[in-house]
Amino acid sequence: MAGHSQFKNIMHRKGRVDAVRSKVFSKLAREITVAAKLGTPDPSMNPRLRAAILAARAENMPKDNIERAIKKAAGGEGENYEEIRYEGYGPGGAALIVEAQTDNRNRTASDVRSAFTKSGGSLAETGAVAFMFDRVGVIAFAAEVADADTMLEAAIEAGADDVRSDADGHEVTCAQDAYGDVSKALEGRFGEPRRTGLIWKAQNTIDVDDETGEKLIRLVEVIEDQDDVQNVYVNFALSDALVEKMGA
């Protein structure tokens, strides 16, 4: 999972300075509304909605915005969004999976294709790179909730596949079909997680040189800037020097 996490950490730090907050909130609100429409507006009964709310809280989205998005879904208001997955390649042969929610498939396809092309990448057919990723559940906790050994023991007991613990916290991964049981068991023991949800995890990561790495960062930034794009997953790993440079 190194490629995904390493990249997201860089984007998270950059986002504090660079991201337009209204756009971030708009994407979060869209996911909350979609999750509530697909399931129930009660987050205790809807894992996807609960994950969306946690993500919104992590970005300091106002409580009123969160409640408004849920009420919109409960009242049958708002657009009906279609969920689409795009796959493609970036410089150095890196693979990318793009998740989007759209009310206009043609517009989104054109925007995503343009984002790939202008940044040195290429859009591929669905399934072209997905086989290099696994769909897994992730449950993340703050470091202070437990020591590494305690978290590992609890995760194994709950049925998880892997745990990564460091100064930033604990990240537990599990199979998609075990996600509900694992997240429920861990939350029951350690309280509300910092982040949770289903992601695309690269089976293996490829190392890229710093020049290629910077091109890939720019590619993902351009893709993520599209209004309809919700998530981007990658399979490349950056050098420590570039991580330090981009995260500064």
Protein backbone atom coordinates (compact mmCIF):
# COMPACT_ATOMS: atom_id res chain seq x y z
CA MET A 1 0.00 0.00 0.00
CA ALA A 2 3.07 2.20 0.07
CA GLY A 3 2.41 3.91 -3.25
CA HIS A 4 -1.10 4.97 -2.34
CA SER A 5 -0.36 6.07 1.22
CA GLN A 6 2.89 7.82 0.40
CA PHE A 7 1.25 9.79 -2.37
CA LYS A 8 -1.86 10.65 -0.35
CA ASN A 9 0.26 11.94 2.52
CA ILE A 10 1.98 14.37 0.15
CA MET A 11 -1.31 15.49 -1.35
CA HIS A 12 -2.82 15.90 2.12
CA ARG A 13 -0.02 18.23 3.24
CA LYS A 14 -0.10 20.18 -0.01
CA GLY A 15 -3.86 20.35 0.18
CA ARG A 16 -3.76 22.32 3.41
CA VAL A 17 -2.18 25.15 1.46
CA ASP A 18 -3.27 24.64 -2.13
CA ALA A 19 -6.75 23.11 -2.19
CA VAL A 20 -9.79 25.27 -2.75
CA ARG A 21 -11.85 24.39 0.29
CA SER A 22 -15.21 24.87 -1.40
CA LYS A 23 -14.29 22.26 -4.01
CA VAL A 24 -13.17 19.81 -1.33
CA PHE A 25 -16.39 20.32 0.60
CA SER A 26 -18.45 19.94 -2.58
CA LYS A 27 -16.91 16.53 -3.30
CA LEU A 28 -17.37 15.41 0.29
CA ALA A 29 -21.01 16.53 0.28
CA ARG A 30 -21.61 14.66 -2.97
CA GLU A 31 -20.26 11.42 -1.50
CA ILE A 32 -22.39 11.88 1.63
CA THR A 33 -25.52 12.40 -0.47
CA VAL A 34 -24.76 9.43 -2.76
CA ALA A 35 -24.02 7.16 0.21
CA ALA A 36 -27.22 8.20 1.96
CA LYS A 37 -29.29 7.65 -1.19
CA LEU A 38 -27.83 4.21 -1.84
CA GLY A 39 -28.44 3.04 1.71
CA THR A 40 -30.12 4.67 4.68
CA PRO A 41 -29.58 8.20 6.01
CA ASP A 42 -28.65 6.68 9.39
CA PRO A 43 -24.81 6.42 9.54
CA SER A 44 -25.01 3.75 12.26
CA MET A 45 -26.75 1.48 9.73
CA ASN A 46 -24.85 2.63 6.64
CA PRO A 47 -21.07 1.95 6.68
CA ARG A 48 -20.43 3.92 3.51
CA LEU A 49 -22.24 6.98 4.86
CA ARG A 50 -20.34 6.68 8.13
CA ALA A 51 -17.05 6.57 6.22
CA ALA A 52 -18.08 9.65 4.22
CA ILE A 53 -18.93 11.57 7.39
CA LEU A 54 -15.59 10.64 8.97
CA ALA A 55 -13.80 11.88 5.83
CA ALA A 56 -15.73 15.14 6.01
CA ARG A 57 -14.86 15.62 9.68
CA ALA A 58 -11.20 14.97 8.91
CA GLU A 59 -11.32 17.94 6.51
CA ASN A 60 -13.10 20.11 9.12
CA MET A 61 -16.27 20.28 7.07
CA PRO A 62 -18.93 22.17 9.08
CA LYS A 63 -21.54 20.01 10.80
CA ASP A 64 -24.33 21.97 9.09
CA ASN A 65 -22.93 21.06 5.65
CA ILE A 66 -22.85 17.38 6.57
CA GLU A 67 -26.41 17.40 7.88
CA ARG A 68 -27.64 19.32 4.83
CA ALA A 69 -26.16 16.72 2.48
CA ILE A 70 -27.84 13.89 4.39
CA LYS A 71 -31.20 15.68 4.45
CA LYS A 72 -30.98 16.29 0.71
CA ALA A 73 -30.70 12.55 0.13
CA ALA A 74 -33.42 11.69 2.63
CA GLY A 75 -35.76 14.12 0.90
CA GLY A 76 -35.02 12.75 -2.54
CA GLU A 77 -33.47 16.03 -3.60
CA GLY A 78 -30.37 16.70 -5.62
CA GLU A 79 -28.93 15.11 -8.74
CA ASN A 80 -28.75 11.39 -9.31
CA TYR A 81 -25.09 10.57 -9.68
CA GLU A 82 -23.66 7.61 -11.57
CA GLU A 83 -20.49 6.04 -10.23
CA ILE A 84 -17.82 5.37 -12.85
CA ARG A 85 -14.30 3.96 -12.64
CA TYR A 86 -11.60 5.04 -15.09
CA GLU A 87 -8.21 3.40 -15.51
CA GLY A 88 -5.07 4.62 -17.17
CA TYR A 89 -1.32 4.95 -17.29
CA GLY A 90 1.00 7.78 -16.36
CA PRO A 91 4.66 8.56 -17.10
CA GLY A 92 6.98 5.66 -16.36
CA GLY A 93 4.19 3.12 -16.88
CA ALA A 94 2.54 3.87 -13.53
CA ALA A 95 -1.05 2.65 -13.19
CA LEU A 96 -3.92 4.80 -11.95
CA ILE A 97 -7.52 4.09 -10.97
CA VAL A 98 -9.91 7.05 -10.92
CA GLU A 99 -13.29 6.96 -9.17
CA ALA A 100 -15.86 9.53 -10.26
CA GLN A 101 -19.47 10.44 -9.51
CA THR A 102 -21.28 12.20 -12.32
CA ASP A 103 -24.62 13.33 -13.65
CA ASN A 104 -23.15 13.57 -17.16
CA ARG A 105 -21.07 10.58 -18.25
CA ASN A 106 -19.90 12.17 -21.51
CA ARG A 107 -18.66 15.35 -19.80
CA THR A 108 -16.75 13.43 -17.14
CA ALA A 109 -15.16 11.03 -19.62
CA SER A 110 -13.98 13.98 -21.71
CA ASP A 111 -12.60 15.83 -18.68
CA VAL A 112 -10.75 12.79 -17.32
CA ARG A 113 -9.32 11.91 -20.74
CA SER A 114 -8.13 15.49 -21.19
CA ALA A 115 -6.51 15.46 -17.73
CA PHE A 116 -4.57 12.31 -18.57
CA THR A 117 -3.49 13.58 -21.99
CA LYS A 118 -2.34 17.06 -20.95
CA SER A 119 -0.16 15.59 -18.19
CA GLY A 120 1.59 12.89 -20.18
CA GLY A 121 -0.71 10.01 -19.35
CA SER A 122 -3.20 7.95 -21.30
CA LEU A 123 -6.68 6.69 -20.50
CA ALA A 124 -7.15 2.94 -20.93
CA GLU A 125 -10.13 0.59 -21.10
CA THR A 126 -11.86 -0.50 -17.90
CA GLY A 127 -10.00 -3.51 -16.54
CA ALA A 128 -6.68 -2.54 -18.09
CA VAL A 129 -5.01 -1.87 -14.73
CA ALA A 130 -7.57 -2.96 -12.11
CA PHE A 131 -6.05 -6.45 -12.04
CA MET A 132 -2.94 -4.88 -10.49
CA PHE A 133 -4.99 -3.66 -7.50
CA ASP A 134 -7.09 -5.32 -4.79
CA ARG A 135 -10.30 -3.88 -3.37
CA VAL A 136 -9.74 -3.78 0.38
CA GLY A 137 -11.11 -2.18 3.53
CA VAL A 138 -9.05 0.30 5.53
CA ILE A 139 -9.64 1.32 9.15
CA ALA A 140 -7.26 3.95 10.53
CA PHE A 141 -6.80 4.98 14.15
CA ALA A 142 -4.76 7.64 15.91
CA ALA A 143 -1.46 6.42 17.40
CA GLU A 144 -2.55 7.07 20.98
CA VAL A 145 -5.48 4.61 21.00
CA ALA A 146 -3.12 1.61 21.40
CA ASP A 147 0.45 0.45 21.03
CA ALA A 148 1.49 -1.43 17.91
CA ASP A 149 1.34 -4.90 19.50
CA THR A 150 -2.13 -4.35 20.95
CA MET A 151 -3.49 -3.08 17.64
CA LEU A 152 -1.92 -5.99 15.74
CA GLU A 153 -3.39 -8.53 18.15
CA ALA A 154 -6.85 -6.95 17.96
CA ALA A 155 -6.73 -6.70 14.16
CA ILE A 156 -5.76 -10.34 13.72
CA GLU A 157 -8.49 -11.41 16.13
CA ALA A 158 -11.02 -9.35 14.15
CA GLY A 159 -10.02 -10.99 10.86
CA ALA A 160 -7.84 -8.28 9.31
CA ASP A 161 -5.02 -9.05 6.87
CA ASP A 162 -2.41 -6.44 7.75
CA VAL A 163 -1.58 -3.60 10.14
CA ARG A 164 0.89 -0.79 9.67
CA SER A 165 1.73 1.23 12.78
CA ASP A 166 3.99 4.28 13.00
CA ALA A 167 4.10 7.69 14.64
CA ASP A 168 1.20 8.87 12.46
CA GLY A 169 -1.13 6.12 13.67
CA HIS A 170 -2.39 2.63 12.86
CA GLU A 171 -3.73 1.55 9.47
CA VAL A 172 -5.55 -1.78 9.37
CA THR A 173 -6.38 -3.45 6.05
CA CYS A 174 -8.74 -6.35 5.40
CA ALA A 175 -10.53 -8.14 2.59
CA GLN A 176 -13.56 -6.37 1.16
CA ASP A 177 -15.98 -9.05 2.34
CA ALA A 178 -14.58 -8.86 5.89
CA TYR A 179 -14.67 -5.07 6.09
CA GLY A 180 -17.95 -4.77 7.98
CA ASP A 181 -17.04 -7.27 10.69
CA VAL A 182 -13.47 -6.02 11.12
CA SER A 183 -14.41 -2.36 11.34
CA LYS A 184 -17.22 -3.10 13.81
CA ALA A 185 -14.93 -5.17 16.05
CA LEU A 186 -12.12 -2.60 16.08
CA GLU A 187 -14.44 0.33 16.64
CA GLY A 188 -16.02 -1.52 19.53
CA ARG A 189 -12.60 -1.84 21.17
CA PHE A 190 -10.84 1.41 20.23
CA GLY A 191 -13.68 3.83 19.52
CA GLU A 192 -14.43 5.80 16.37
CA PRO A 193 -11.70 5.43 13.74
CA ARG A 194 -9.98 8.41 12.20
CA ARG A 195 -10.70 7.15 8.70
CA THR A 196 -12.41 4.13 7.20
CA GLY A 197 -13.63 2.90 3.84
CA LEU A 198 -12.96 0.73 0.80
CA ILE A 199 -9.99 1.56 -1.41
CA TRP A 200 -8.00 0.15 -4.32
CA LYS A 201 -4.68 -1.16 -3.00
CA ALA A 202 -1.83 -1.78 -5.43
CA GLN A 203 -0.57 -5.37 -5.26
CA ASN A 204 2.93 -4.12 -6.01
CA THR A 205 4.45 -0.67 -6.38
CA ILE A 206 6.94 0.50 -8.98
CA ASP A 207 9.83 2.82 -8.14
CA VAL A 208 10.15 5.92 -10.30
CA ASP A 209 12.95 8.46 -10.58
CA ASP A 210 12.35 11.96 -9.21
CA GLU A 211 11.70 13.55 -12.59
CA THR A 212 9.04 10.97 -13.40
CA GLY A 213 7.69 11.20 -9.87
CA GLU A 214 7.10 14.94 -10.21
CA LYS A 215 5.27 14.35 -13.50
CA LEU A 216 3.07 11.76 -11.83
CA ILE A 217 2.28 14.10 -8.96
CA ARG A 218 1.22 16.76 -11.45
CA LEU A 219 -0.88 14.21 -13.36
CA VAL A 220 -2.79 13.19 -10.26
CA GLU A 221 -3.25 16.80 -9.19
CA VAL A 222 -4.81 17.64 -12.57
CA ILE A 223 -7.10 14.59 -12.39
CA GLU A 224 -8.16 15.30 -8.81
CA ASP A 225 -8.96 18.89 -9.77
CA GLN A 226 -11.86 17.64 -11.93
CA ASP A 227 -15.17 18.35 -10.19
CA ASP A 228 -16.55 14.83 -10.73
CA VAL A 229 -13.45 12.94 -9.55
CA GLN A 230 -13.69 11.58 -6.01
CA ASN A 231 -10.57 9.40 -5.58
CA VAL A 232 -7.35 8.55 -7.39
CA TYR A 233 -5.31 5.43 -6.57
CA VAL A 234 -1.78 4.80 -7.82
CA ASN A 235 0.88 2.07 -7.82
CA PHE A 236 4.09 4.09 -7.82
CA ALA A 237 6.55 4.79 -5.00
CA LEU A 238 8.54 8.00 -4.69
CA SER A 239 12.05 8.45 -3.35
CA ASP A 240 12.46 9.77 0.19
CA ALA A 241 14.12 12.88 -1.22
CA LEU A 242 11.14 13.69 -3.44
CA VAL A 243 8.67 12.97 -0.65
CA GLU A 244 10.53 15.47 1.53
CA LYS A 245 10.68 18.02 -1.26
CA MET A 246 7.01 17.76 -2.23
CA GLY A 247 5.85 17.66 1.37
CA ALA A 248 7.83 20.69 2.45
